[in-house]
Protein backbone atom coordinates (compact mmCIF):
# COMPACT_ATOMS: atom_id res chain seq x y z
CA MET A 1 168.01 109.62 89.05
CA HIS A 2 169.13 107.45 91.60
CA ALA A 3 169.59 110.13 94.15
CA LEU A 4 166.10 111.65 93.68
CA ILE A 5 164.77 108.92 94.39
CA ILE A 6 166.99 108.65 97.63
CA ILE A 7 166.01 112.19 98.66
CA ILE A 8 161.88 111.09 97.94
CA HIS A 9 162.88 107.53 99.61
CA LEU A 10 164.37 109.70 102.83
CA ILE A 11 161.39 112.43 102.90
CA ALA A 12 158.41 109.56 103.17
CA CYS A 13 160.68 107.57 105.31
CA PHE A 14 160.26 110.98 107.89
CA SER A 15 157.08 111.78 106.95
CA LEU A 16 155.37 107.92 108.34
CA ILE A 17 157.57 108.60 111.76
CA LEU A 18 156.04 111.35 112.37
CA ILE A 19 152.44 110.63 111.14
CA VAL A 20 152.82 107.66 113.12
CA LEU A 21 153.77 109.44 116.46
CA LEU A 22 151.03 111.80 115.78
CA GLN A 23 148.75 109.12 115.49
CA SER A 24 145.97 108.77 118.98
CA GLY A 25 147.17 104.79 120.06
CA LYS A 26 142.90 103.35 121.09
CA GLY A 27 143.11 102.81 124.36
CA GLN A 28 142.74 107.07 124.16
CA SER A 29 138.98 106.63 122.66
CA MET A 30 138.06 105.43 126.08
CA GLY A 31 139.55 108.97 127.57
CA ALA A 32 137.16 110.38 124.59
CA MET A 33 134.40 108.98 125.89
CA PHE A 34 134.74 110.61 129.10
CA GLY A 35 134.53 114.25 127.81
CA GLY A 36 138.71 113.87 127.49
CA SER A 37 138.70 114.95 123.83
CA GLY A 38 140.24 118.51 124.01
CA SER A 39 143.77 117.38 122.60
CA GLN A 40 142.57 116.66 119.89
CA ALA A 41 140.81 119.93 118.73
CA LEU A 42 143.68 120.64 116.37
CA PHE A 43 141.84 118.35 113.30
CA GLY A 44 138.43 119.42 114.82
CA SER A 45 135.63 117.69 116.57
CA SER A 46 135.97 114.72 114.22
CA GLY A 47 139.93 114.26 115.11
CA ALA A 48 142.05 113.44 113.75
CA GLY A 49 142.14 109.01 112.85
CA SER A 50 140.98 109.51 108.80
CA PHE A 51 143.08 111.79 107.87
CA LEU A 52 146.02 110.54 109.30
CA THR A 53 144.73 106.75 108.67
CA LYS A 54 144.95 107.73 105.13
CA ALA A 55 148.35 110.32 104.79
CA THR A 56 150.06 106.98 106.33
CA THR A 57 148.57 104.85 104.00
CA ALA A 58 149.39 106.91 101.68
CA VAL A 59 153.25 107.66 102.72
CA ALA A 60 153.89 103.95 103.10
CA VAL A 61 153.22 102.78 99.50
CA VAL A 62 155.30 106.43 98.69
CA PHE A 63 158.05 104.31 100.73
CA MET A 64 157.52 101.01 100.00
CA LEU A 65 158.11 101.67 95.93
CA THR A 66 161.38 103.97 96.70
CA SER A 67 161.96 100.76 98.69
CA LEU A 68 161.71 99.04 95.60
CA THR A 69 163.18 101.07 93.04
CA LEU A 70 166.07 101.54 95.02
CA ALA A 71 166.96 98.63 94.80
CA TYR A 72 166.53 97.34 91.88
CA VAL A 73 168.36 100.26 90.16
CA SER A 74 171.52 99.75 92.92
CA ASN A 75 171.32 95.83 92.34
CA SER A 76 171.18 96.58 88.32
CA GLY A 77 174.01 96.29 85.73
CA GLN A 78 175.84 94.71 88.21
CA GLU A 79 177.36 91.56 88.92
CA SER A 80 176.13 89.01 92.40
CA VAL A 81 178.78 89.53 94.99
CA ILE A 82 178.82 85.88 96.07
CA ARG A 83 180.39 85.51 91.99
CA ASN A 84 183.66 87.12 93.31
CA TYR A 85 184.00 84.98 96.34
CA LEU A 86 183.85 81.50 93.38
CA PRO A 87 186.47 80.64 91.46
CA ILE A 88 186.78 81.02 88.73
CA THR A 89 187.04 77.76 87.13
CA GLN A 90 185.73 74.63 88.16
CA GLU A 91 187.17 71.54 87.20
CA GLU A 92 186.09 68.95 88.65
CA PRO A 93 187.80 66.02 90.27
CA GLN A 94 190.32 63.84 87.81
CA GLN A 95 189.58 60.45 88.94
CA PRO A 96 192.41 58.12 87.04
CA PRO A 97 190.51 55.93 84.42
CA ILE A 98 189.50 52.64 85.17
CA GLU A 99 191.76 49.39 84.94
CA GLU A 100 189.74 46.67 82.84
CA GLU A 101 191.29 43.75 84.60
CA THR A 102 192.71 40.83 82.03
CA THR A 103 192.15 37.49 83.22
CA PRO A 104 195.47 34.92 81.71
CA GLU A 105 195.43 32.10 80.06
């Protein structure tokens, strides 16, 4: 189960990197206004904006869910790492008993 989640997580990670790199920057829309839209002919005349935006959202959700699942699965049933460094028994320092002062008669 743990290995399957790691494989899905890695696929989502690399997919997210590729999808983000395929997206055009905001400055490129100005060039498309003056007739330079030939670079987006692969995705049709409307461009790749809506498809890549939806794909980015979907893969990002899968990435976040697998991250949370891996964090939960990895920590279930284990003690905290900090407990290994704390002493097993914590005793409070012993203070000497307070003696009452007696007045001589």
